[in-house]
């Protein structure tokens, strides 16, 4: 029984020393995200933005206004691109003008 008590006491002392000493490995801050890292980390969102931008170009080339629906579709798609960019770059805390200029 004395061996058990000595083991428990030694374990408690060891745990205290570990906590009091703190981590022995320096903790590094997470790297700051950039436009490039966000684009790399989320290729599906980038693909969707690229596809919508291609669709906007195709709609602009259409020979008809489709009863005014073409303009509405273009505007809606531009808003969708903006929303996807806001999602993609939200960690960067960019304002709307910067988001619209980003690739």
C-alpha atoms as a PDB file:
ATOM      1  CA  UNK A   1       0.000   0.000   0.000  1.00  0.00           C
ATOM      2  CA  UNK A   2       2.870   2.379   0.716  1.00  0.00           C
ATOM      3  CA  UNK A   3       4.207   1.800  -2.783  1.00  0.00           C
ATOM      4  CA  UNK A   4       0.812   2.759  -4.234  1.00  0.00           C
ATOM      5  CA  UNK A   5       0.675   5.985  -2.181  1.00  0.00           C
ATOM      6  CA  UNK A   6       4.212   6.847  -3.234  1.00  0.00           C
ATOM      7  CA  UNK A   7       3.294   6.239  -6.879  1.00  0.00           C
ATOM      8  CA  UNK A   8       0.204   8.462  -6.627  1.00  0.00           C
ATOM      9  CA  UNK A   9       2.190  11.202  -4.898  1.00  0.00           C
ATOM     10  CA  UNK A  10       4.960  11.024  -7.490  1.00  0.00           C
ATOM     11  CA  UNK A  11       2.421  11.108 -10.328  1.00  0.00           C
ATOM     12  CA  UNK A  12       0.692  14.137  -8.840  1.00  0.00           C
ATOM     13  CA  UNK A  13       4.000  15.917  -8.407  1.00  0.00           C
ATOM     14  CA  UNK A  14       5.026  15.098 -11.985  1.00  0.00           C
ATOM     15  CA  UNK A  15       1.706  16.413 -13.328  1.00  0.00           C
ATOM     16  CA  UNK A  16       2.086  19.609 -11.303  1.00  0.00           C
ATOM     17  CA  UNK A  17       5.601  20.161 -12.658  1.00  0.00           C
ATOM     18  CA  UNK A  18       4.383  19.672 -16.238  1.00  0.00           C
ATOM     19  CA  UNK A  19       1.549  22.154 -15.811  1.00  0.00           C
ATOM     20  CA  UNK A  20       3.696  24.698 -13.974  1.00  0.00           C
ATOM     21  CA  UNK A  21       6.511  24.488 -16.518  1.00  0.00           C
ATOM     22  CA  UNK A  22       4.183  25.146 -19.439  1.00  0.00           C
ATOM     23  CA  UNK A  23       4.640  23.806 -22.956  1.00  0.00           C
ATOM     24  CA  UNK A  24       8.203  23.028 -23.928  1.00  0.00           C
ATOM     25  CA  UNK A  25       7.497  23.556 -27.616  1.00  0.00           C
ATOM     26  CA  UNK A  26       6.830  27.169 -28.628  1.00  0.00           C
ATOM     27  CA  UNK A  27       3.318  27.700 -29.904  1.00  0.00           C
ATOM     28  CA  UNK A  28       3.233  29.378 -33.294  1.00  0.00           C
ATOM     29  CA  UNK A  29       0.356  31.508 -34.442  1.00  0.00           C
ATOM     30  CA  UNK A  30      -1.609  30.186 -37.387  1.00  0.00           C
ATOM     31  CA  UNK A  31      -0.467  31.712 -40.679  1.00  0.00           C
ATOM     32  CA  UNK A  32      -2.581  34.605 -41.901  1.00  0.00           C
ATOM     33  CA  UNK A  33      -4.831  33.637 -44.818  1.00  0.00           C
ATOM     34  CA  UNK A  34      -4.330  35.316 -48.179  1.00  0.00           C
ATOM     35  CA  UNK A  35      -6.365  35.455 -51.361  1.00  0.00           C
ATOM     36  CA  UNK A  36      -4.083  32.803 -52.819  1.00  0.00           C
ATOM     37  CA  UNK A  37      -4.364  30.429 -49.851  1.00  0.00           C
ATOM     38  CA  UNK A  38      -8.127  30.786 -49.688  1.00  0.00           C
ATOM     39  CA  UNK A  39      -8.425  30.057 -53.424  1.00  0.00           C
ATOM     40  CA  UNK A  40      -6.119  27.064 -53.052  1.00  0.00           C
ATOM     41  CA  UNK A  41      -7.998  25.714 -50.031  1.00  0.00           C
ATOM     42  CA  UNK A  42     -11.463  26.016 -51.622  1.00  0.00           C
ATOM     43  CA  UNK A  43     -11.229  24.961 -55.281  1.00  0.00           C
ATOM     44  CA  UNK A  44     -14.942  24.143 -55.594  1.00  0.00           C
ATOM     45  CA  UNK A  45     -15.935  27.712 -54.751  1.00  0.00           C
ATOM     46  CA  UNK A  46     -13.319  29.034 -57.188  1.00  0.00           C
ATOM     47  CA  UNK A  47     -14.687  26.718 -59.885  1.00  0.00           C
ATOM     48  CA  UNK A  48     -18.246  27.949 -59.241  1.00  0.00           C
ATOM     49  CA  UNK A  49     -17.119  31.603 -59.481  1.00  0.00           C
ATOM     50  CA  UNK A  50     -15.294  30.903 -62.741  1.00  0.00           C
ATOM     51  CA  UNK A  51     -18.302  29.075 -64.196  1.00  0.00           C
ATOM     52  CA  UNK A  52     -20.645  31.927 -63.272  1.00  0.00           C
ATOM     53  CA  UNK A  53     -18.300  34.511 -64.782  1.00  0.00           C
ATOM     54  CA  UNK A  54     -18.238  32.451 -67.992  1.00  0.00           C
ATOM     55  CA  UNK A  55     -22.040  32.310 -67.910  1.00  0.00           C
ATOM     56  CA  UNK A  56     -22.216  36.110 -67.580  1.00  0.00           C
ATOM     57  CA  UNK A  57     -19.999  36.460 -70.674  1.00  0.00           C
ATOM     58  CA  UNK A  58     -22.213  34.016 -72.580  1.00  0.00           C
ATOM     59  CA  UNK A  59     -25.386  35.837 -71.544  1.00  0.00           C
ATOM     60  CA  UNK A  60     -23.904  39.172 -72.633  1.00  0.00           C
ATOM     61  CA  UNK A  61     -23.264  37.676 -76.082  1.00  0.00           C
ATOM     62  CA  UNK A  62     -26.843  36.427 -76.450  1.00  0.00           C
ATOM     63  CA  UNK A  63     -28.595  38.193 -79.359  1.00  0.00           C
ATOM     64  CA  UNK A  64     -31.931  38.617 -77.558  1.00  0.00           C
ATOM     65  CA  UNK A  65     -32.934  40.255 -74.280  1.00  0.00           C
ATOM     66  CA  UNK A  66     -35.449  37.454 -73.637  1.00  0.00           C
ATOM     67  CA  UNK A  67     -38.206  39.807 -72.608  1.00  0.00           C
ATOM     68  CA  UNK A  68     -35.976  41.662 -70.150  1.00  0.00           C
ATOM     69  CA  UNK A  69     -35.025  38.459 -68.372  1.00  0.00           C
ATOM     70  CA  UNK A  70     -31.473  38.493 -69.715  1.00  0.00           C
ATOM     71  CA  UNK A  71     -30.571  41.614 -67.717  1.00  0.00           C
ATOM     72  CA  UNK A  72     -32.150  40.190 -64.574  1.00  0.00           C
ATOM     73  CA  UNK A  73     -30.275  36.903 -65.016  1.00  0.00           C
ATOM     74  CA  UNK A  74     -26.979  38.737 -65.498  1.00  0.00           C
ATOM     75  CA  UNK A  75     -27.544  40.881 -62.411  1.00  0.00           C
ATOM     76  CA  UNK A  76     -28.581  37.860 -60.324  1.00  0.00           C
ATOM     77  CA  UNK A  77     -25.497  35.937 -61.447  1.00  0.00           C
ATOM     78  CA  UNK A  78     -23.235  38.887 -60.628  1.00  0.00           C
ATOM     79  CA  UNK A  79     -24.780  38.995 -57.153  1.00  0.00           C
ATOM     80  CA  UNK A  80     -24.206  35.248 -56.786  1.00  0.00           C
ATOM     81  CA  UNK A  81     -20.530  35.710 -57.758  1.00  0.00           C
ATOM     82  CA  UNK A  82     -20.221  38.458 -55.156  1.00  0.00           C
ATOM     83  CA  UNK A  83     -21.815  36.237 -52.492  1.00  0.00           C
ATOM     84  CA  UNK A  84     -19.468  33.364 -53.306  1.00  0.00           C
ATOM     85  CA  UNK A  85     -16.468  35.695 -53.097  1.00  0.00           C
ATOM     86  CA  UNK A  86     -17.703  36.960 -49.717  1.00  0.00           C
ATOM     87  CA  UNK A  87     -17.845  33.352 -48.545  1.00  0.00           C
ATOM     88  CA  UNK A  88     -14.441  32.525 -50.019  1.00  0.00           C
ATOM     89  CA  UNK A  89     -12.670  35.550 -48.562  1.00  0.00           C
ATOM     90  CA  UNK A  90     -14.579  36.016 -45.298  1.00  0.00           C
ATOM     91  CA  UNK A  91     -11.459  35.313 -43.188  1.00  0.00           C
ATOM     92  CA  UNK A  92      -9.732  38.252 -44.895  1.00  0.00           C
ATOM     93  CA  UNK A  93     -12.370  40.742 -43.676  1.00  0.00           C
ATOM     94  CA  UNK A  94     -12.479  42.512 -47.035  1.00  0.00           C
ATOM     95  CA  UNK A  95     -14.993  45.248 -47.839  1.00  0.00           C
ATOM     96  CA  UNK A  96     -17.366  44.856 -50.807  1.00  0.00           C
ATOM     97  CA  UNK A  97     -15.217  46.934 -53.178  1.00  0.00           C
ATOM     98  CA  UNK A  98     -12.147  44.814 -52.444  1.00  0.00           C
ATOM     99  CA  UNK A  99     -14.178  41.619 -52.836  1.00  0.00           C
ATOM    100  CA  UNK A 100     -15.406  42.749 -56.256  1.00  0.00           C
ATOM    101  CA  UNK A 101     -11.809  43.452 -57.383  1.00  0.00           C
ATOM    102  CA  UNK A 102     -10.477  40.109 -56.116  1.00  0.00           C
ATOM    103  CA  UNK A 103     -10.052  37.278 -58.641  1.00  0.00           C
END
